[in-house]
Amino acid sequence: MQIPWQQLDAELLDNIIEAFVLREGTDYGLEEKSLAEKVADVRAQLERGDAVLVWSELHETVNIMPRDGFDDG
């Protein structure tokens, strides 16, 4: 189920994004970025609609996925 990121408290959204970018295996390419830059990049992807917040009822977790990789149906 998709979660509208606009309806979340700003601090909660930042915490979700921060947890996402800190996960082991998240690759940002050859260029090293600060945590703040990574959080800003993911927030921009959400704002542009390139990424979506997704709640998994099965796993009871929130994830951030590319829009084209998410099937809401």
Protein backbone atom coordinates (compact mmCIF):
# COMPACT_ATOMS: atom_id res chain seq x y z
CA MET A 1 0.00 0.00 0.00
CA GLN A 2 1.37 3.39 -0.99
CA ILE A 3 1.69 6.04 1.73
CA PRO A 4 1.30 9.69 0.66
CA TRP A 5 4.56 11.21 1.94
CA GLN A 6 2.91 14.65 2.08
CA GLN A 7 0.67 13.46 4.92
CA LEU A 8 3.57 12.53 7.20
CA ASP A 9 5.08 14.78 9.83
CA ALA A 10 8.34 16.25 8.47
CA GLU A 11 10.44 14.72 11.27
CA LEU A 12 8.91 11.27 10.75
CA LEU A 13 9.54 11.47 7.00
CA ASP A 14 13.17 12.50 7.62
CA ASN A 15 13.59 9.54 9.99
CA ILE A 16 12.17 7.11 7.42
CA ILE A 17 14.42 8.50 4.68
CA GLU A 18 17.47 8.44 6.97
CA ALA A 19 16.84 4.80 7.91
CA PHE A 20 16.49 3.99 4.22
CA VAL A 21 19.78 5.61 3.20
CA LEU A 22 21.66 4.03 6.12
CA ARG A 23 20.70 0.49 5.12
CA GLU A 24 23.62 -1.69 4.20
CA GLY A 25 23.94 -2.15 0.47
CA THR A 26 22.45 1.17 -0.57
CA ASP A 27 24.66 2.31 -3.46
CA TYR A 28 25.16 5.94 -4.44
CA GLY A 29 27.78 5.37 -7.11
CA LEU A 30 31.37 6.51 -7.18
CA GLU A 31 30.75 9.86 -5.51
CA GLU A 32 30.71 9.82 -1.69
CA LYS A 33 27.88 11.90 -0.21
CA SER A 34 27.06 13.03 3.30
CA LEU A 35 24.01 11.67 5.11
CA ALA A 36 22.29 15.04 4.70
CA GLU A 37 22.92 14.98 0.93
CA LYS A 38 21.58 11.43 0.64
CA VAL A 39 18.45 12.35 2.62
CA ALA A 40 17.93 15.44 0.44
CA ASP A 41 18.33 13.34 -2.73
CA VAL A 42 15.71 10.81 -1.62
CA ARG A 43 13.33 13.56 -0.48
CA ALA A 44 13.68 15.18 -3.92
CA GLN A 45 12.86 11.83 -5.57
CA LEU A 46 9.69 11.61 -3.46
CA GLU A 47 8.75 15.20 -4.28
CA ARG A 48 9.25 14.61 -8.02
CA GLY A 49 7.24 11.41 -7.88
CA ASP A 50 10.20 9.27 -8.95
CA ALA A 51 9.97 7.31 -5.68
CA VAL A 52 7.11 6.29 -3.41
CA LEU A 53 6.68 5.29 0.24
CA VAL A 54 5.25 1.80 0.56
CA TRP A 55 3.79 0.01 3.60
CA SER A 56 4.11 -3.78 3.59
CA GLU A 57 1.28 -5.32 5.59
CA LEU A 58 3.00 -8.70 5.37
CA HIS A 59 6.29 -7.48 6.86
CA GLU A 60 4.87 -4.46 8.74
CA THR A 61 7.60 -2.23 7.32
CA VAL A 62 7.88 1.00 5.37
CA ASN A 63 10.11 1.11 2.31
CA ILE A 64 10.99 3.61 -0.39
CA MET A 65 10.77 2.26 -3.92
CA PRO A 66 11.16 3.64 -7.43
CA ARG A 67 7.72 4.52 -8.79
CA ASP A 68 8.25 2.35 -11.86
CA GLY A 69 9.04 -0.62 -9.59
CA PHE A 70 5.85 -0.31 -7.55
CA ASP A 71 2.60 -1.97 -8.57
CA ASP A 72 -0.35 -0.68 -6.54
CA GLY A 73 -2.77 -3.15 -8.02
